[in-house]
Amino acid sequence: MLRREPMLSSRIFIWQHFTRLTPSEVLEAIPLFHPIWADADPDDIAFADSHAAHGNFRAWAQLTAHTCTALTRTGRPRVDQELLRWAFSRLA
């Protein structure tokens, strides 16, 4: 869209291409991204990635927000698959 508008396109110094995180990159980066993922089981992180985030960092940010809400509402101390399923249902 920006490329089609010369006035906007001319303001982009360098076009960046983003690719999805690989499963191993997800397991490395996501625990560092937010404290709720720091002590999460790697299997739960992989579950969240394969069912909702698909290596997309923007999707991880949205999933994290919904998961934080779920943790607050339920009073649970850690992320688990049941909690993640609830968060998945809130994703647009």
Protein backbone atom coordinates (compact mmCIF):
# COMPACT_ATOMS: atom_id res chain seq x y z
CA MET A 1 0.00 0.00 0.00
CA LEU A 2 2.78 2.45 0.89
CA ARG A 3 4.65 1.67 -2.31
CA ARG A 4 1.61 2.72 -4.38
CA GLU A 5 1.58 6.18 -2.83
CA PRO A 6 4.67 8.12 -4.00
CA MET A 7 4.42 10.69 -1.19
CA LEU A 8 4.50 7.92 1.42
CA SER A 9 6.85 5.58 -0.37
CA SER A 10 9.49 8.29 -0.75
CA ARG A 11 9.68 8.62 3.03
CA ILE A 12 10.81 5.02 3.53
CA PHE A 13 14.60 4.94 3.73
CA ILE A 14 15.01 1.15 3.75
CA TRP A 15 12.28 -1.42 3.10
CA GLN A 16 12.55 -4.28 5.55
CA HIS A 17 11.36 -7.81 4.89
CA PHE A 18 10.25 -9.75 7.94
CA THR A 19 9.96 -13.51 8.06
CA ARG A 20 8.22 -15.70 10.58
CA LEU A 21 10.17 -17.02 13.53
CA THR A 22 11.15 -20.66 13.25
CA PRO A 23 9.99 -22.98 16.05
CA SER A 24 13.47 -22.92 17.60
CA GLU A 25 13.58 -19.11 17.39
CA VAL A 26 10.17 -18.97 19.08
CA LEU A 27 11.44 -21.11 21.97
CA GLU A 28 14.46 -18.85 22.30
CA ALA A 29 12.82 -15.42 21.89
CA ILE A 30 9.38 -15.70 23.48
CA PRO A 31 10.55 -16.45 27.05
CA LEU A 32 12.59 -13.23 26.82
CA PHE A 33 9.70 -11.26 25.30
CA HIS A 34 7.43 -11.11 28.37
CA PRO A 35 7.62 -12.37 31.98
CA ILE A 36 4.57 -14.64 31.59
CA TRP A 37 6.53 -16.72 29.09
CA ALA A 38 9.75 -16.80 31.14
CA ASP A 39 8.64 -19.73 33.30
CA ALA A 40 6.18 -21.26 30.82
CA ASP A 41 6.69 -24.86 29.80
CA PRO A 42 8.39 -24.97 26.36
CA ASP A 43 5.68 -27.41 25.25
CA ASP A 44 3.04 -24.78 26.06
CA ILE A 45 4.97 -22.15 24.09
CA ALA A 46 5.21 -24.54 21.13
CA PHE A 47 1.48 -25.30 21.50
CA ALA A 48 0.65 -21.58 21.42
CA ASP A 49 2.85 -21.03 18.40
CA SER A 50 1.45 -23.93 16.40
CA HIS A 51 -2.20 -23.11 17.20
CA ALA A 52 -2.24 -19.31 17.20
CA ALA A 53 0.93 -17.30 16.66
CA HIS A 54 2.59 -19.25 13.83
CA GLY A 55 5.94 -17.50 14.31
CA ASN A 56 4.39 -14.06 13.83
CA PHE A 57 5.66 -11.63 16.45
CA ARG A 58 2.60 -9.37 16.15
CA ALA A 59 0.40 -12.41 16.85
CA TRP A 60 2.59 -13.22 19.87
CA ALA A 61 2.02 -9.70 21.21
CA GLN A 62 -1.75 -10.06 20.84
CA LEU A 63 -1.71 -13.54 22.36
CA THR A 64 0.38 -12.26 25.26
CA ALA A 65 -2.15 -9.51 26.01
CA HIS A 66 -5.04 -11.98 26.07
CA THR A 67 -3.03 -14.45 28.14
CA CYS A 68 -2.21 -11.75 30.70
CA THR A 69 -5.93 -11.00 30.97
CA ALA A 70 -6.68 -14.69 31.46
CA LEU A 71 -4.01 -15.03 34.15
CA THR A 72 -5.45 -12.04 36.01
CA ARG A 73 -9.05 -13.25 35.75
CA THR A 74 -8.31 -16.82 36.83
CA GLY A 75 -5.63 -16.07 39.40
CA ARG A 76 -3.45 -18.80 37.93
CA PRO A 77 0.28 -18.40 38.48
CA ARG A 78 1.42 -19.85 35.12
CA VAL A 79 0.36 -20.31 31.55
CA ASP A 80 -1.13 -23.70 30.69
CA GLN A 81 -2.91 -25.15 27.66
CA GLU A 82 -6.40 -24.63 29.08
CA LEU A 83 -5.64 -20.95 29.63
CA LEU A 84 -4.14 -20.70 26.14
CA ARG A 85 -7.26 -22.17 24.56
CA TRP A 86 -9.28 -19.38 26.19
CA ALA A 87 -6.81 -16.80 24.88
CA PHE A 88 -7.00 -18.33 21.37
CA SER A 89 -10.75 -17.81 21.39
CA ARG A 90 -10.20 -14.07 21.91
CA LEU A 91 -7.87 -13.61 18.94
CA ALA A 92 -9.34 -11.78 15.97
